[in-house]
């Protein structure tokens, strides 16, 4: 999704119904990337999401959750469906895109999950007001952009942020709250939707990263000033009362939440645990190309050991192109390397129909030892 810092500012404003998806001639070749030789572009996953037939042909967000049966569900925000022509252009459909989708990976096979009403494509997760209005309120007026997901009590749980259109202008939309959608397994049918009201005090968009430990599930988000916050709840009971990180400890009052780090990072990010340490991976700043990591002995504070993992390559001379919202996929760690994805986009909507190659995730691998010498 095209959200960085506060979703009502800079990158958040970029993702409107008018300007949101990608373009061609975007990436330099591997030989042109001035990066450490230890960094490897992951050809398998990058090529896996070059889709040309029915279903998913482009999206952002790129969260992944390993399911109990071994499959992986990839969770995407704004998603193109349909087909790609032999010249690489994308066929324009109506609607042009949907607001979110699931892509289920079973080995090398991908299948796209989303809803249809009256033979029209719709998102996987839709605000109840839209459905209850019989789509007189459209998904161009109210929609969900998804966050991170996790497994609890044999269900897939996915956080979503709700946005409403506020006018006719390009930037006229606002974030209004957070919900949690539940899906049965293995069929991935939605069973429930719970609204959370912890965000209203400070405008924190919780649910953009989730970390489960034996005792607590940590739910991360970005505040209105672009700093990361974190809450925690007893593992196995996400609907129990949350506690919030503050400068003096944990509090049950969401209004007392304090940033967990003085970092201006992307709205979507990853916090994971590896060999007894916690790792925070984020793409720095608005429209930054720098993907960095931090480590700590705690999941909520003490972030240090900043490492530049990767600087995303963009062809020089085209200011319409940008990358954003890097996240890690620790279930795919192999040979002591961590799989990381980032999203690609263009400020010009027509770019995404001229070239389907832009608006899709890219993947690279970073040696874990380059994040921390103890790894």
Protein backbone atom coordinates (compact mmCIF):
# COMPACT_ATOMS: atom_id res chain seq x y z
CA UNK A 1 0.00 0.00 0.00
CA UNK A 2 1.06 3.46 -0.69
CA UNK A 3 1.39 4.63 2.87
CA UNK A 4 4.47 5.97 4.57
CA UNK A 5 4.68 8.04 7.73
CA UNK A 6 1.21 9.31 8.57
CA UNK A 7 -1.36 7.97 6.11
CA UNK A 8 -2.82 11.43 5.76
CA UNK A 9 0.50 12.90 4.85
CA UNK A 10 3.07 12.47 2.11
CA UNK A 11 2.97 8.75 1.18
CA UNK A 12 -0.40 8.19 2.75
CA UNK A 13 -1.85 10.88 0.52
CA UNK A 14 -0.23 9.35 -2.51
CA UNK A 15 -2.43 6.29 -2.37
CA UNK A 16 -5.71 7.72 -3.55
CA UNK A 17 -8.18 6.39 -6.03
CA UNK A 18 -6.48 8.48 -8.68
CA UNK A 19 -2.71 8.03 -8.38
CA UNK A 20 -1.68 4.77 -7.06
CA UNK A 21 0.19 2.09 -9.00
CA UNK A 22 3.53 1.43 -11.18
CA UNK A 23 5.63 1.54 -14.42
CA UNK A 24 8.16 -0.01 -16.82
CA UNK A 25 11.90 0.30 -17.26
CA UNK A 26 11.92 0.68 -13.51
CA UNK A 27 14.81 -1.37 -12.32
CA UNK A 28 18.47 -1.34 -13.16
CA UNK A 29 20.14 -4.66 -13.78
CA UNK A 30 21.88 -6.57 -10.98
CA UNK A 31 25.26 -5.47 -12.31
CA UNK A 32 24.22 -1.85 -11.89
CA UNK A 33 23.25 -2.19 -8.22
CA UNK A 34 26.02 -0.72 -6.08
CA UNK A 35 25.30 -2.97 -3.08
CA UNK A 36 27.29 -5.36 -0.96
CA UNK A 37 28.00 -8.61 -2.76
CA UNK A 38 26.38 -10.36 0.19
CA UNK A 39 22.95 -9.06 -0.83
CA UNK A 40 21.25 -11.27 -3.39
CA UNK A 41 18.12 -10.52 -5.36
CA UNK A 42 15.73 -13.43 -4.86
CA UNK A 43 14.88 -14.56 -8.36
CA UNK A 44 12.41 -17.24 -7.32
CA UNK A 45 9.98 -15.02 -5.39
CA UNK A 46 10.41 -12.02 -7.69
CA UNK A 47 9.49 -14.12 -10.72
CA UNK A 48 6.72 -15.94 -8.85
CA UNK A 49 4.73 -12.70 -8.74
CA UNK A 50 5.12 -11.86 -12.41
CA UNK A 51 1.56 -12.88 -13.27
CA UNK A 52 -0.04 -12.67 -16.69
CA UNK A 53 -3.27 -14.67 -16.49
CA UNK A 54 -6.47 -14.51 -14.46
CA UNK A 55 -6.26 -13.35 -10.87
CA UNK A 56 -3.54 -11.22 -9.27
CA UNK A 57 -1.32 -9.29 -11.69
CA UNK A 58 -0.01 -6.63 -9.29
CA UNK A 59 -0.34 -5.37 -5.75
CA UNK A 60 1.39 -3.83 -2.76
CA UNK A 61 1.48 -4.55 0.96
CA UNK A 62 3.10 -7.99 0.54
CA UNK A 63 2.62 -9.46 3.99
CA UNK A 64 2.92 -13.23 4.32
CA UNK A 65 1.61 -15.71 6.90
CA UNK A 66 2.52 -19.39 6.99
CA UNK A 67 -0.62 -21.48 7.45
CA UNK A 68 -0.72 -24.62 9.66
CA UNK A 69 -0.99 -26.89 6.60
CA UNK A 70 2.25 -25.51 5.10
CA UNK A 71 0.73 -23.11 2.58
CA UNK A 72 1.47 -19.38 2.72
CA UNK A 73 -1.13 -16.66 2.35
CA UNK A 74 0.20 -13.42 0.86
CA UNK A 75 -1.81 -10.36 1.90
CA UNK A 76 -1.92 -7.49 -0.59
CA UNK A 77 -3.40 -4.00 -0.58
CA UNK A 78 -4.65 -2.37 -3.80
CA UNK A 79 -4.63 -5.18 -6.35
CA UNK A 80 -4.84 -5.40 -10.12
CA UNK A 81 -6.70 -8.41 -11.51
CA UNK A 82 -7.24 -9.62 -15.04
CA UNK A 83 -4.68 -10.20 -17.69
CA UNK A 84 -1.48 -8.84 -19.16
CA UNK A 85 -1.03 -8.44 -22.91
CA UNK A 86 1.90 -9.94 -24.81
CA UNK A 87 3.56 -6.51 -24.97
CA UNK A 88 3.56 -6.27 -21.17
CA UNK A 89 0.69 -3.79 -20.93
CA UNK A 90 -2.16 -4.37 -18.50
CA UNK A 91 -5.75 -4.68 -19.65
CA UNK A 92 -7.98 -2.11 -17.93
CA UNK A 93 -10.96 -3.59 -16.13
CA UNK A 94 -13.92 -2.16 -14.24
CA UNK A 95 -13.20 -1.68 -11.40
CA UNK A 96 -9.60 -0.88 -12.31
CA UNK A 97 -8.40 -2.46 -9.07
CA UNK A 98 -9.68 -3.82 -5.77
CA UNK A 99 -8.59 -2.65 -2.34
CA UNK A 100 -7.13 -5.88 -0.96
CA UNK A 101 -6.63 -9.53 -1.88
CA UNK A 102 -5.17 -12.82 -0.68
CA UNK A 103 -2.83 -14.86 -2.84
CA UNK A 104 -2.38 -18.40 -1.54
CA UNK A 105 0.91 -20.13 -2.31
CA UNK A 106 0.88 -23.92 -2.35
CA UNK A 107 4.32 -24.99 -3.48
CA UNK A 108 4.89 -23.23 -6.80
CA UNK A 109 1.19 -22.65 -7.39
CA UNK A 110 -0.59 -19.36 -6.64
CA UNK A 111 -4.34 -18.81 -6.38
CA UNK A 112 -6.04 -15.44 -5.87
CA UNK A 113 -8.86 -15.04 -3.35
CA UNK A 114 -11.26 -12.13 -3.48
CA UNK A 115 -15.02 -11.59 -3.48
CA UNK A 116 -17.49 -11.23 -6.34
CA UNK A 117 -20.94 -9.66 -6.22
CA UNK A 118 -23.18 -9.58 -9.29
CA UNK A 119 -20.19 -10.89 -11.24
CA UNK A 120 -18.13 -7.81 -10.27
CA UNK A 121 -14.73 -8.07 -8.58
CA UNK A 122 -14.51 -6.87 -4.99
CA UNK A 123 -11.94 -6.96 -2.22
CA UNK A 124 -11.34 -9.91 0.07
CA UNK A 125 -12.18 -7.80 3.15
CA UNK A 126 -14.91 -5.17 2.76
CA UNK A 127 -16.25 -2.69 5.36
CA UNK A 128 -19.69 -3.82 6.62
CA UNK A 129 -21.21 -0.42 5.74
CA UNK A 130 -20.36 -1.03 2.09
CA UNK A 131 -21.95 -4.49 2.00
CA UNK A 132 -24.99 -3.41 4.04
CA UNK A 133 -25.64 -0.55 1.61
CA UNK A 134 -25.75 -3.07 -1.26
CA UNK A 135 -22.71 -1.23 -2.60
CA UNK A 136 -24.47 2.13 -2.86
CA UNK A 137 -21.54 3.07 -0.64
CA UNK A 138 -18.73 1.92 -2.88
CA UNK A 139 -15.20 0.79 -2.13
CA UNK A 140 -14.04 4.01 -3.73
CA UNK A 141 -15.79 5.75 -0.81
CA UNK A 142 -14.91 3.40 2.08
CA UNK A 143 -12.31 0.65 2.06
CA UNK A 144 -9.79 -1.43 3.99
CA UNK A 145 -6.05 -1.53 3.43
CA UNK A 146 -4.63 -4.60 5.17
CA UNK A 147 -1.84 -4.87 7.69
CA UNK A 148 -0.08 -7.88 9.15
CA UNK A 149 -1.65 -11.25 9.88
CA UNK A 150 -1.10 -14.15 12.29
CA UNK A 151 -2.62 -17.48 13.34
CA UNK A 152 -4.65 -17.69 16.55
CA UNK A 153 -6.95 -20.50 17.69
CA UNK A 154 -6.70 -22.14 14.26
CA UNK A 155 -7.90 -19.02 12.46
CA UNK A 156 -6.08 -16.49 10.29
CA UNK A 157 -6.34 -13.01 11.79
CA UNK A 158 -5.61 -9.94 9.62
CA UNK A 159 -5.51 -6.32 10.79
CA UNK A 160 -7.07 -3.77 8.46
CA UNK A 161 -7.08 0.04 8.43
CA UNK A 162 -10.29 1.74 7.31
CA UNK A 163 -10.23 4.79 5.05
CA UNK A 164 -13.01 7.10 3.89
CA UNK A 165 -13.15 9.41 0.91
CA UNK A 166 -13.74 13.00 2.04
CA UNK A 167 -14.03 14.92 -1.23
CA UNK A 168 -13.33 14.99 -4.95
CA UNK A 169 -9.68 15.96 -4.71
CA UNK A 170 -6.75 13.63 -5.23
CA UNK A 171 -5.80 13.66 -1.53
CA UNK A 172 -9.28 13.82 -0.07
CA UNK A 173 -9.41 10.70 2.09
CA UNK A 174 -8.69 9.93 5.74
CA UNK A 175 -7.94 7.03 8.06
CA UNK A 176 -10.79 6.37 10.49
CA UNK A 177 -9.87 3.26 12.46
CA UNK A 178 -8.59 -0.30 12.74
CA UNK A 179 -10.37 -3.64 12.65
CA UNK A 180 -9.36 -7.31 12.83
CA UNK A 181 -10.78 -9.81 10.36
CA UNK A 182 -10.86 -13.56 11.13
CA UNK A 183 -10.79 -16.40 8.60
CA UNK A 184 -11.47 -20.09 9.11
CA UNK A 185 -8.86 -22.64 8.11
CA UNK A 186 -8.14 -24.27 5.79
CA UNK A 187 -10.85 -22.70 3.58
CA UNK A 188 -10.03 -19.04 4.38
CA UNK A 189 -13.66 -17.94 4.72
CA UNK A 190 -14.23 -14.76 6.75
CA UNK A 191 -15.90 -15.56 10.07
CA UNK A 192 -15.72 -12.33 12.06
CA UNK A 193 -14.74 -8.67 12.09
CA UNK A 194 -13.88 -6.85 15.32
CA UNK A 195 -13.41 -3.09 15.60
CA UNK A 196 -10.62 -1.75 17.81
CA UNK A 197 -10.83 1.70 19.39
CA UNK A 198 -7.26 1.97 20.73
CA UNK A 199 -6.22 4.25 17.86
CA UNK A 200 -8.37 7.32 18.42
CA UNK A 201 -6.37 9.04 21.14
CA UNK A 202 -3.08 9.38 19.26
CA UNK A 203 -4.05 8.33 15.76
CA UNK A 204 -1.85 5.23 15.89
CA UNK A 205 -2.49 2.79 13.06
CA UNK A 206 -1.96 -0.48 14.92
CA UNK A 207 -1.62 -3.77 13.12
CA UNK A 208 1.15 -3.01 10.62
CA UNK A 209 3.45 -5.53 12.28
CA UNK A 210 2.69 -8.42 14.63
CA UNK A 211 5.14 -10.42 16.74
CA UNK A 212 4.05 -13.45 18.77
CA UNK A 213 6.04 -14.67 21.77
CA UNK A 214 5.20 -17.34 24.35
CA UNK A 215 3.60 -14.82 26.73
CA UNK A 216 2.55 -11.83 24.63
CA UNK A 217 1.48 -10.88 21.14
CA UNK A 218 2.99 -7.49 20.25
CA UNK A 219 1.02 -5.29 17.85
CA UNK A 220 2.94 -2.45 16.20
CA UNK A 221 1.77 0.66 14.41
CA UNK A 222 2.71 4.17 13.32
CA UNK A 223 1.53 7.33 15.08
CA UNK A 224 0.43 10.53 13.41
CA UNK A 225 3.98 11.91 13.67
CA UNK A 226 5.49 8.94 11.85
CA UNK A 227 7.05 7.18 14.86
CA UNK A 228 6.50 3.49 15.66
CA UNK A 229 4.33 2.49 18.65
CA UNK A 230 3.66 -0.92 20.17
CA UNK A 231 0.97 -2.57 22.29
CA UNK A 232 0.87 -6.03 23.79
CA UNK A 233 -1.81 -8.55 24.72
CA UNK A 234 -1.80 -12.05 26.16
CA UNK A 235 -0.86 -14.53 23.43
CA UNK A 236 -3.85 -16.51 22.25
CA UNK A 237 -6.39 -13.83 23.18
CA UNK A 238 -6.00 -10.85 20.85
CA UNK A 239 -9.38 -9.42 21.96
CA UNK A 240 -8.31 -9.17 25.60
CA UNK A 241 -7.42 -5.68 26.91
CA UNK A 242 -4.20 -4.33 25.47
CA UNK A 243 -1.28 -2.65 27.23
CA UNK A 244 0.71 0.14 25.60
CA UNK A 245 4.40 0.96 25.64
CA UNK A 246 5.17 4.23 27.43
CA UNK A 247 8.34 5.99 28.54
CA UNK A 248 7.90 4.53 32.04
CA UNK A 249 6.63 1.01 31.29
CA UNK A 250 3.37 -0.56 30.13
CA UNK A 251 -0.01 1.19 30.57
CA UNK A 252 -3.61 0.16 29.98
CA UNK A 253 -4.35 3.70 28.74
CA UNK A 254 -3.79 4.07 24.97
CA UNK A 255 -3.49 7.84 25.37
CA UNK A 256 -0.23 7.30 27.29
CA UNK A 257 1.44 5.38 24.44
CA UNK A 258 4.89 6.66 23.49
CA UNK A 259 6.97 5.89 20.40
CA UNK A 260 9.15 2.84 20.87
CA UNK A 261 11.97 4.41 18.83
CA UNK A 262 12.98 7.78 17.44
CA UNK A 263 12.81 6.44 13.89
CA UNK A 264 10.92 7.93 10.95
CA UNK A 265 10.11 4.74 9.15
CA UNK A 266 7.61 3.27 6.77
CA UNK A 267 4.09 2.54 7.94
CA UNK A 268 4.51 -1.13 7.12
CA UNK A 269 7.50 -2.85 8.71
CA UNK A 270 8.60 -6.02 10.50
CA UNK A 271 9.56 -6.92 14.05
CA UNK A 272 10.84 -10.49 14.44
CA UNK A 273 12.84 -12.53 16.93
CA UNK A 274 16.01 -14.36 16.01
CA UNK A 275 18.50 -16.13 18.29
CA UNK A 276 17.28 -14.34 21.40
CA UNK A 277 17.28 -10.84 19.90
CA UNK A 278 14.54 -8.74 18.39
CA UNK A 279 14.94 -7.31 14.89
CA UNK A 280 13.14 -4.21 13.58
CA UNK A 281 13.25 -3.78 9.78
CA UNK A 282 11.87 -0.66 8.12
CA UNK A 283 12.27 1.53 5.05
CA UNK A 284 13.40 4.91 6.34
CA UNK A 285 11.59 8.18 5.73
CA UNK A 286 9.13 9.34 3.10
CA UNK A 287 10.05 7.97 -0.34
CA UNK A 288 13.41 6.77 0.96
CA UNK A 289 15.23 3.98 -0.84
CA UNK A 290 17.04 2.86 2.34
CA UNK A 291 15.94 -0.36 4.02
CA UNK A 292 17.48 -0.59 7.48
CA UNK A 293 17.51 -2.89 10.48
CA UNK A 294 17.81 -2.30 14.22
CA UNK A 295 18.22 -4.84 17.01
CA UNK A 296 17.33 -4.94 20.70
CA UNK A 297 17.10 -7.31 23.65
CA UNK A 298 13.49 -6.20 24.10
CA UNK A 299 10.55 -6.10 21.67
CA UNK A 300 9.47 -2.57 22.62
CA UNK A 301 12.51 -0.41 23.31
CA UNK A 302 16.29 -0.12 23.17
CA UNK A 303 16.60 -0.25 19.37
CA UNK A 304 20.18 0.23 18.23
CA UNK A 305 22.80 -1.28 15.90
CA UNK A 306 21.37 0.43 12.81
CA UNK A 307 22.40 -1.35 9.62
CA UNK A 308 21.72 -0.32 6.03
CA UNK A 309 20.57 -3.55 4.42
CA UNK A 310 19.70 -2.39 0.93
CA UNK A 311 19.15 0.72 -1.17
CA UNK A 312 16.39 0.00 -3.67
CA UNK A 313 17.42 0.64 -7.29
CA UNK A 314 15.42 3.02 -9.47
CA UNK A 315 16.27 4.11 -13.00
CA UNK A 316 17.73 7.60 -12.95
CA UNK A 317 15.79 10.41 -14.55
CA UNK A 318 12.29 9.16 -13.79
CA UNK A 319 10.99 11.03 -10.75
CA UNK A 320 7.59 9.34 -10.97
CA UNK A 321 8.91 6.03 -9.61
CA UNK A 322 9.41 5.07 -5.98
CA UNK A 323 9.67 2.15 -3.57
CA UNK A 324 8.21 1.76 -0.07
CA UNK A 325 7.11 -0.40 2.87
CA UNK A 326 9.72 -3.15 3.09
CA UNK A 327 8.77 -6.19 5.20
CA UNK A 328 10.57 -9.42 6.07
CA UNK A 329 9.37 -13.00 5.67
CA UNK A 330 11.18 -15.04 8.34
CA UNK A 331 9.37 -18.30 7.50
CA UNK A 332 11.47 -18.34 4.31
CA UNK A 333 14.87 -18.06 6.03
CA UNK A 334 17.33 -20.36 4.29
CA UNK A 335 21.11 -20.66 4.30
CA UNK A 336 21.16 -18.07 7.10
CA UNK A 337 19.62 -15.43 4.82
CA UNK A 338 16.42 -13.47 5.44
CA UNK A 339 13.88 -12.87 2.66
CA UNK A 340 12.76 -9.21 2.43
CA UNK A 341 10.24 -7.67 0.05
CA UNK A 342 9.50 -4.10 -0.93
CA UNK A 343 6.77 -2.48 -3.00
CA UNK A 344 7.16 -0.54 -6.22
CA UNK A 345 4.96 2.21 -7.62
CA UNK A 346 4.52 5.26 -9.85
CA UNK A 347 2.81 8.58 -9.30
CA UNK A 348 1.23 8.25 -12.77
CA UNK A 349 -1.75 5.91 -12.97
CA UNK A 350 -1.38 5.29 -16.72
CA UNK A 351 2.09 3.83 -16.08
CA UNK A 352 0.45 0.80 -14.52
CA UNK A 353 -1.47 0.04 -17.68
CA UNK A 354 1.48 0.77 -19.96
CA UNK A 355 3.63 -1.73 -18.04
CA UNK A 356 2.42 -4.42 -15.64
CA UNK A 357 6.00 -4.88 -14.46
CA UNK A 358 5.96 -1.96 -12.03
CA UNK A 359 3.29 -2.62 -9.45
CA UNK A 360 4.47 -5.90 -7.99
CA UNK A 361 6.72 -6.89 -5.10
CA UNK A 362 10.48 -7.31 -5.39
CA UNK A 363 12.49 -9.60 -3.14
CA UNK A 364 16.06 -9.83 -1.93
CA UNK A 365 17.98 -11.84 0.64
CA UNK A 366 20.19 -10.41 3.34
CA UNK A 367 22.62 -12.53 5.39
CA UNK A 368 21.41 -12.54 8.99
CA UNK A 369 24.96 -11.94 10.20
CA UNK A 370 24.92 -8.56 8.44
CA UNK A 371 21.99 -7.57 10.69
CA UNK A 372 23.84 -8.61 13.87
CA UNK A 373 27.26 -10.17 14.29
CA UNK A 374 25.82 -12.67 16.79
CA UNK A 375 23.52 -14.13 14.14
